[in-house]
Amino acid sequence: MIRKTSAEDGSELRWFKSSYSDSSNSNECVEVATMLGAVHVRDSKNVEGSQLALTRQAWADFVAHASGS
């Protein structure tokens, strides 16, 4: 699901980048923010753009698959 947050549903998210992000080019990665029932993902090059909101389980499944676990 792609969505853009508003003041009512989480515009005050605390975004972070992975410690594995390339520090020489820190704008070329994704940023992640967590809320009670969801994990939000956005492109660090377009922080005002759309976000992907996933359930915590969907995010855990994605990370496990991406890391080969």
PDB file of N, CA and C in Angstrom:
ATOM      1  N   MET A   1       0.836  -1.157   0.000  1.00  0.00           N
ATOM      2  CA  MET A   1       0.000   0.000   0.000  1.00  0.00           C
ATOM      3  C   MET A   1       0.891   1.233   0.000  1.00  0.00           C
ATOM      4  N   ILE A   2       0.627   2.172  -0.862  1.00  0.00           N
ATOM      5  CA  ILE A   2       1.343   3.443  -0.901  1.00  0.00           C
ATOM      6  C   ILE A   2       0.419   4.505  -0.319  1.00  0.00           C
ATOM      7  N   ARG A   3       0.972   5.324   0.551  1.00  0.00           N
ATOM      8  CA  ARG A   3       0.166   6.395   1.113  1.00  0.00           C
ATOM      9  C   ARG A   3       1.050   7.522   1.586  1.00  0.00           C
ATOM     10  N   LYS A   4       0.466   8.666   1.732  1.00  0.00           N
ATOM     11  CA  LYS A   4       1.175   9.832   2.245  1.00  0.00           C
ATOM     12  C   LYS A   4       0.573  10.182   3.596  1.00  0.00           C
ATOM     13  N   THR A   5       1.416  10.328   4.604  1.00  0.00           N
ATOM     14  CA  THR A   5       0.885  10.602   5.934  1.00  0.00           C
ATOM     15  C   THR A   5       0.464  12.054   6.054  1.00  0.00           C
ATOM     16  N   SER A   6      -0.441  12.287   6.971  1.00  0.00           N
ATOM     17  CA  SER A   6      -0.874  13.651   7.275  1.00  0.00           C
ATOM     18  C   SER A   6      -0.722  13.872   8.768  1.00  0.00           C
ATOM     19  N   ALA A   7      -1.041  15.052   9.237  1.00  0.00           N
ATOM     20  CA  ALA A   7      -0.906  15.367  10.658  1.00  0.00           C
ATOM     21  C   ALA A   7      -1.734  14.415  11.512  1.00  0.00           C
ATOM     22  N   GLU A   8      -2.855  13.933  10.985  1.00  0.00           N
ATOM     23  CA  GLU A   8      -3.704  13.043  11.763  1.00  0.00           C
ATOM     24  C   GLU A   8      -3.137  11.642  11.889  1.00  0.00           C
ATOM     25  N   ASP A   9      -2.322  11.203  10.947  1.00  0.00           N
ATOM     26  CA  ASP A   9      -1.928   9.803  10.994  1.00  0.00           C
ATOM     27  C   ASP A   9      -0.422   9.568  11.015  1.00  0.00           C
ATOM     28  N   GLY A  10       0.366  10.499  11.479  1.00  0.00           N
ATOM     29  CA  GLY A  10       1.762  10.172  11.702  1.00  0.00           C
ATOM     30  C   GLY A  10       2.801  11.023  11.019  1.00  0.00           C
ATOM     31  N   SER A  11       2.526  12.277  10.731  1.00  0.00           N
ATOM     32  CA  SER A  11       3.553  13.100  10.094  1.00  0.00           C
ATOM     33  C   SER A  11       4.717  13.369  11.037  1.00  0.00           C
ATOM     34  N   GLU A  12       4.551  13.055  12.292  1.00  0.00           N
ATOM     35  CA  GLU A  12       5.605  13.276  13.290  1.00  0.00           C
ATOM     36  C   GLU A  12       6.453  12.020  13.488  1.00  0.00           C
ATOM     37  N   LEU A  13       6.542  11.204  12.484  1.00  0.00           N
ATOM     38  CA  LEU A  13       7.323   9.971  12.583  1.00  0.00           C
ATOM     39  C   LEU A  13       8.801  10.280  12.771  1.00  0.00           C
ATOM     40  N   ARG A  14       9.493   9.418  13.482  1.00  0.00           N
ATOM     41  CA  ARG A  14      10.948   9.531  13.636  1.00  0.00           C
ATOM     42  C   ARG A  14      11.601   8.578  12.650  1.00  0.00           C
ATOM     43  N   TRP A  15      12.220   9.152  11.642  1.00  0.00           N
ATOM     44  CA  TRP A  15      12.814   8.366  10.564  1.00  0.00           C
ATOM     45  C   TRP A  15      14.266   8.033  10.873  1.00  0.00           C
ATOM     46  N   PHE A  16      14.700   6.853  10.424  1.00  0.00           N
ATOM     47  CA  PHE A  16      16.106   6.491  10.572  1.00  0.00           C
ATOM     48  C   PHE A  16      16.550   5.682   9.363  1.00  0.00           C
ATOM     49  N   LYS A  17      17.867   5.655   9.172  1.00  0.00           N
ATOM     50  CA  LYS A  17      18.485   4.884   8.092  1.00  0.00           C
ATOM     51  C   LYS A  17      19.265   3.737   8.701  1.00  0.00           C
ATOM     52  N   SER A  18      19.433   2.713   7.942  1.00  0.00           N
ATOM     53  CA  SER A  18      20.192   1.552   8.395  1.00  0.00           C
ATOM     54  C   SER A  18      21.647   1.909   8.639  1.00  0.00           C
ATOM     55  N   SER A  19      22.243   1.252   9.606  1.00  0.00           N
ATOM     56  CA  SER A  19      23.680   1.440   9.846  1.00  0.00           C
ATOM     57  C   SER A  19      24.494   0.888   8.683  1.00  0.00           C
ATOM     58  N   TYR A  20      23.867   0.104   7.811  1.00  0.00           N
ATOM     59  CA  TYR A  20      24.543  -0.424   6.627  1.00  0.00           C
ATOM     60  C   TYR A  20      24.518   0.554   5.457  1.00  0.00           C
ATOM     61  N   SER A  21      23.830   1.684   5.604  1.00  0.00           N
ATOM     62  CA  SER A  21      23.770   2.676   4.531  1.00  0.00           C
ATOM     63  C   SER A  21      25.163   3.200   4.232  1.00  0.00           C
ATOM     64  N   ASP A  22      25.408   3.480   2.984  1.00  0.00           N
ATOM     65  CA  ASP A  22      26.700   4.000   2.535  1.00  0.00           C
ATOM     66  C   ASP A  22      26.872   5.428   3.039  1.00  0.00           C
ATOM     67  N   SER A  23      27.784   5.640   3.956  1.00  0.00           N
ATOM     68  CA  SER A  23      27.966   6.973   4.543  1.00  0.00           C
ATOM     69  C   SER A  23      28.519   7.988   3.549  1.00  0.00           C
ATOM     70  N   SER A  24      29.130   7.535   2.458  1.00  0.00           N
ATOM     71  CA  SER A  24      29.661   8.479   1.477  1.00  0.00           C
ATOM     72  C   SER A  24      28.551   9.064   0.601  1.00  0.00           C
ATOM     73  N   ASN A  25      27.402   8.407   0.569  1.00  0.00           N
ATOM     74  CA  ASN A  25      26.276   8.895  -0.225  1.00  0.00           C
ATOM     75  C   ASN A  25      24.989   8.577   0.530  1.00  0.00           C
ATOM     76  N   SER A  26      24.782   9.257   1.638  1.00  0.00           N
ATOM     77  CA  SER A  26      23.699   8.918   2.562  1.00  0.00           C
ATOM     78  C   SER A  26      22.300   9.195   2.025  1.00  0.00           C
ATOM     79  N   ASN A  27      22.180   9.845   0.878  1.00  0.00           N
ATOM     80  CA  ASN A  27      20.854  10.109   0.323  1.00  0.00           C
ATOM     81  C   ASN A  27      20.342   8.985  -0.558  1.00  0.00           C
ATOM     82  N   GLU A  28      21.133   7.958  -0.774  1.00  0.00           N
ATOM     83  CA  GLU A  28      20.706   6.868  -1.639  1.00  0.00           C
ATOM     84  C   GLU A  28      20.361   5.640  -0.818  1.00  0.00           C
ATOM     85  N   CYS A  29      19.296   5.747  -0.070  1.00  0.00           N
ATOM     86  CA  CYS A  29      18.838   4.615   0.724  1.00  0.00           C
ATOM     87  C   CYS A  29      17.385   4.848   1.103  1.00  0.00           C
ATOM     88  N   VAL A  30      16.837   3.913   1.827  1.00  0.00           N
ATOM     89  CA  VAL A  30      15.486   4.091   2.339  1.00  0.00           C
ATOM     90  C   VAL A  30      15.559   4.492   3.801  1.00  0.00           C
ATOM     91  N   GLU A  31      14.506   5.121   4.261  1.00  0.00           N
ATOM     92  CA  GLU A  31      14.371   5.472   5.668  1.00  0.00           C
ATOM     93  C   GLU A  31      13.157   4.728   6.210  1.00  0.00           C
ATOM     94  N   VAL A  32      13.214   4.397   7.488  1.00  0.00           N
ATOM     95  CA  VAL A  32      12.165   3.616   8.129  1.00  0.00           C
ATOM     96  C   VAL A  32      11.705   4.335   9.393  1.00  0.00           C
ATOM     97  N   ALA A  33      10.419   4.281   9.655  1.00  0.00           N
ATOM     98  CA  ALA A  33       9.847   4.811  10.899  1.00  0.00           C
ATOM     99  C   ALA A  33       8.813   3.806  11.393  1.00  0.00           C
ATOM    100  N   THR A  34       8.750   3.625  12.696  1.00  0.00           N
ATOM    101  CA  THR A  34       7.792   2.669  13.245  1.00  0.00           C
ATOM    102  C   THR A  34       6.716   3.382  14.052  1.00  0.00           C
ATOM    103  N   MET A  35       5.533   2.825  13.977  1.00  0.00           N
ATOM    104  CA  MET A  35       4.399   3.249  14.798  1.00  0.00           C
ATOM    105  C   MET A  35       3.855   1.990  15.457  1.00  0.00           C
ATOM    106  N   LEU A  36       2.878   2.142  16.285  1.00  0.00           N
ATOM    107  CA  LEU A  36       2.337   1.018  17.028  1.00  0.00           C
ATOM    108  C   LEU A  36       1.962  -0.154  16.120  1.00  0.00           C
ATOM    109  N   GLY A  37       1.223   0.107  15.059  1.00  0.00           N
ATOM    110  CA  GLY A  37       0.752  -0.986  14.223  1.00  0.00           C
ATOM    111  C   GLY A  37       1.362  -1.074  12.849  1.00  0.00           C
ATOM    112  N   ALA A  38       2.350  -0.226  12.539  1.00  0.00           N
ATOM    113  CA  ALA A  38       2.868  -0.200  11.175  1.00  0.00           C
ATOM    114  C   ALA A  38       4.328   0.224  11.130  1.00  0.00           C
ATOM    115  N   VAL A  39       4.954  -0.150  10.030  1.00  0.00           N
ATOM    116  CA  VAL A  39       6.303   0.310   9.718  1.00  0.00           C
ATOM    117  C   VAL A  39       6.189   1.093   8.418  1.00  0.00           C
ATOM    118  N   HIS A  40       6.716   2.304   8.401  1.00  0.00           N
ATOM    119  CA  HIS A  40       6.664   3.170   7.230  1.00  0.00           C
ATOM    120  C   HIS A  40       8.038   3.204   6.581  1.00  0.00           C
ATOM    121  N   VAL A  41       8.055   3.172   5.250  1.00  0.00           N
ATOM    122  CA  VAL A  41       9.297   3.192   4.480  1.00  0.00           C
ATOM    123  C   VAL A  41       9.181   4.305   3.445  1.00  0.00           C
ATOM    124  N   ARG A  42      10.271   5.070   3.277  1.00  0.00           N
ATOM    125  CA  ARG A  42      10.279   6.127   2.260  1.00  0.00           C
ATOM    126  C   ARG A  42      11.659   6.210   1.629  1.00  0.00           C
ATOM    127  N   ASP A  43      11.714   6.866   0.491  1.00  0.00           N
ATOM    128  CA  ASP A  43      12.962   7.104  -0.233  1.00  0.00           C
ATOM    129  C   ASP A  43      13.656   8.319   0.373  1.00  0.00           C
ATOM    130  N   SER A  44      14.905   8.171   0.774  1.00  0.00           N
ATOM    131  CA  SER A  44      15.623   9.284   1.405  1.00  0.00           C
ATOM    132  C   SER A  44      15.871  10.439   0.443  1.00  0.00           C
ATOM    133  N   LYS A  45      15.783  10.197  -0.872  1.00  0.00           N
ATOM    134  CA  LYS A  45      15.965  11.270  -1.850  1.00  0.00           C
ATOM    135  C   LYS A  45      14.697  12.105  -2.023  1.00  0.00           C
ATOM    136  N   ASN A  46      13.566  11.592  -1.532  1.00  0.00           N
ATOM    137  CA  ASN A  46      12.286  12.277  -1.706  1.00  0.00           C
ATOM    138  C   ASN A  46      11.466  12.137  -0.425  1.00  0.00           C
ATOM    139  N   VAL A  47      11.912  12.798   0.623  1.00  0.00           N
ATOM    140  CA  VAL A  47      11.276  12.632   1.935  1.00  0.00           C
ATOM    141  C   VAL A  47       9.859  13.194   1.988  1.00  0.00           C
ATOM    142  N   GLU A  48       9.494  14.054   1.061  1.00  0.00           N
ATOM    143  CA  GLU A  48       8.136  14.596   1.004  1.00  0.00           C
ATOM    144  C   GLU A  48       7.230  13.733   0.134  1.00  0.00           C
ATOM    145  N   GLY A  49       7.787  12.725  -0.504  1.00  0.00           N
ATOM    146  CA  GLY A  49       7.009  11.881  -1.404  1.00  0.00           C
ATOM    147  C   GLY A  49       6.201  10.828  -0.673  1.00  0.00           C
ATOM    148  N   SER A  50       5.689   9.907  -1.440  1.00  0.00           N
ATOM    149  CA  SER A  50       4.856   8.838  -0.898  1.00  0.00           C
ATOM    150  C   SER A  50       5.654   7.915   0.003  1.00  0.00           C
ATOM    151  N   GLN A  51       4.933   7.237   0.870  1.00  0.00           N
ATOM    152  CA  GLN A  51       5.523   6.270   1.788  1.00  0.00           C
ATOM    153  C   GLN A  51       4.811   4.942   1.614  1.00  0.00           C
ATOM    154  N   LEU A  52       5.526   3.902   1.921  1.00  0.00           N
ATOM    155  CA  LEU A  52       4.951   2.573   1.939  1.00  0.00           C
ATOM    156  C   LEU A  52       4.698   2.220   3.395  1.00  0.00           C
ATOM    157  N   ALA A  53       3.471   1.869   3.740  1.00  0.00           N
ATOM    158  CA  ALA A  53       3.136   1.488   5.113  1.00  0.00           C
ATOM    159  C   ALA A  53       2.865  -0.012   5.145  1.00  0.00           C
ATOM    160  N   LEU A  54       3.589  -0.715   5.997  1.00  0.00           N
ATOM    161  CA  LEU A  54       3.475  -2.170   6.109  1.00  0.00           C
ATOM    162  C   LEU A  54       3.092  -2.553   7.528  1.00  0.00           C
ATOM    163  N   THR A  55       2.438  -3.697   7.666  1.00  0.00           N
ATOM    164  CA  THR A  55       2.236  -4.222   9.011  1.00  0.00           C
ATOM    165  C   THR A  55       3.600  -4.624   9.555  1.00  0.00           C
ATOM    166  N   ARG A  56       3.704  -4.720  10.855  1.00  0.00           N
ATOM    167  CA  ARG A  56       4.978  -5.137  11.449  1.00  0.00           C
ATOM    168  C   ARG A  56       5.378  -6.527  10.962  1.00  0.00           C
ATOM    169  N   GLN A  57       4.412  -7.420  10.805  1.00  0.00           N
ATOM    170  CA  GLN A  57       4.721  -8.772  10.333  1.00  0.00           C
ATOM    171  C   GLN A  57       5.210  -8.753   8.892  1.00  0.00           C
ATOM    172  N   ALA A  58       4.574  -7.955   8.041  1.00  0.00           N
ATOM    173  CA  ALA A  58       5.015  -7.857   6.645  1.00  0.00           C
ATOM    174  C   ALA A  58       6.434  -7.305   6.570  1.00  0.00           C
ATOM    175  N   TRP A  59       6.759  -6.315   7.407  1.00  0.00           N
ATOM    176  CA  TRP A  59       8.112  -5.756   7.437  1.00  0.00           C
ATOM    177  C   TRP A  59       9.109  -6.817   7.902  1.00  0.00           C
ATOM    178  N   ALA A  60       8.774  -7.551   8.949  1.00  0.00           N
ATOM    179  CA  ALA A  60       9.665  -8.605   9.453  1.00  0.00           C
ATOM    180  C   ALA A  60       9.897  -9.666   8.383  1.00  0.00           C
ATOM    181  N   ASP A  61       8.854 -10.038   7.663  1.00  0.00           N
ATOM    182  CA  ASP A  61       8.993 -11.013   6.579  1.00  0.00           C
ATOM    183  C   ASP A  61       9.889 -10.471   5.472  1.00  0.00           C
ATOM    184  N   PHE A  62       9.709  -9.204   5.106  1.00  0.00           N
ATOM    185  CA  PHE A  62      10.539  -8.583   4.072  1.00  0.00           C
ATOM    186  C   PHE A  62      12.008  -8.569   4.484  1.00  0.00           C
ATOM    187  N   VAL A  63      12.288  -8.127   5.708  1.00  0.00           N
ATOM    188  CA  VAL A  63      13.673  -8.050   6.184  1.00  0.00           C
ATOM    189  C   VAL A  63      14.301  -9.437   6.215  1.00  0.00           C
ATOM    190  N   ALA A  64      13.561 -10.435   6.689  1.00  0.00           N
ATOM    191  CA  ALA A  64      14.084 -11.805   6.721  1.00  0.00           C
ATOM    192  C   ALA A  64      14.413 -12.286   5.312  1.00  0.00           C
ATOM    193  N   HIS A  65      13.536 -12.014   4.365  1.00  0.00           N
ATOM    194  CA  HIS A  65      13.776 -12.428   2.977  1.00  0.00           C
ATOM    195  C   HIS A  65      14.966 -11.675   2.376  1.00  0.00           C
ATOM    196  N   ALA A  66      15.014 -10.368   2.581  1.00  0.00           N
ATOM    197  CA  ALA A  66      16.088  -9.551   2.004  1.00  0.00           C
ATOM    198  C   ALA A  66      17.452  -9.912   2.583  1.00  0.00           C
ATOM    199  N   SER A  67      17.480 -10.317   3.841  1.00  0.00           N
ATOM    200  CA  SER A  67      18.761 -10.647   4.473  1.00  0.00           C
ATOM    201  C   SER A  67      19.140 -12.111   4.281  1.00  0.00           C
ATOM    202  N   GLY A  68      18.256 -12.880   3.664  1.00  0.00           N
ATOM    203  CA  GLY A  68      18.548 -14.285   3.432  1.00  0.00           C
ATOM    204  C   GLY A  68      18.357 -15.161   4.654  1.00  0.00           C
ATOM    205  N   SER A  69      17.676 -14.659   5.659  1.00  0.00           N
ATOM    206  CA  SER A  69      17.437 -15.435   6.889  1.00  0.00           C
ATOM    207  C   SER A  69      16.324 -16.442   6.706  1.00  0.00           C
TER     208      SER A  69
END
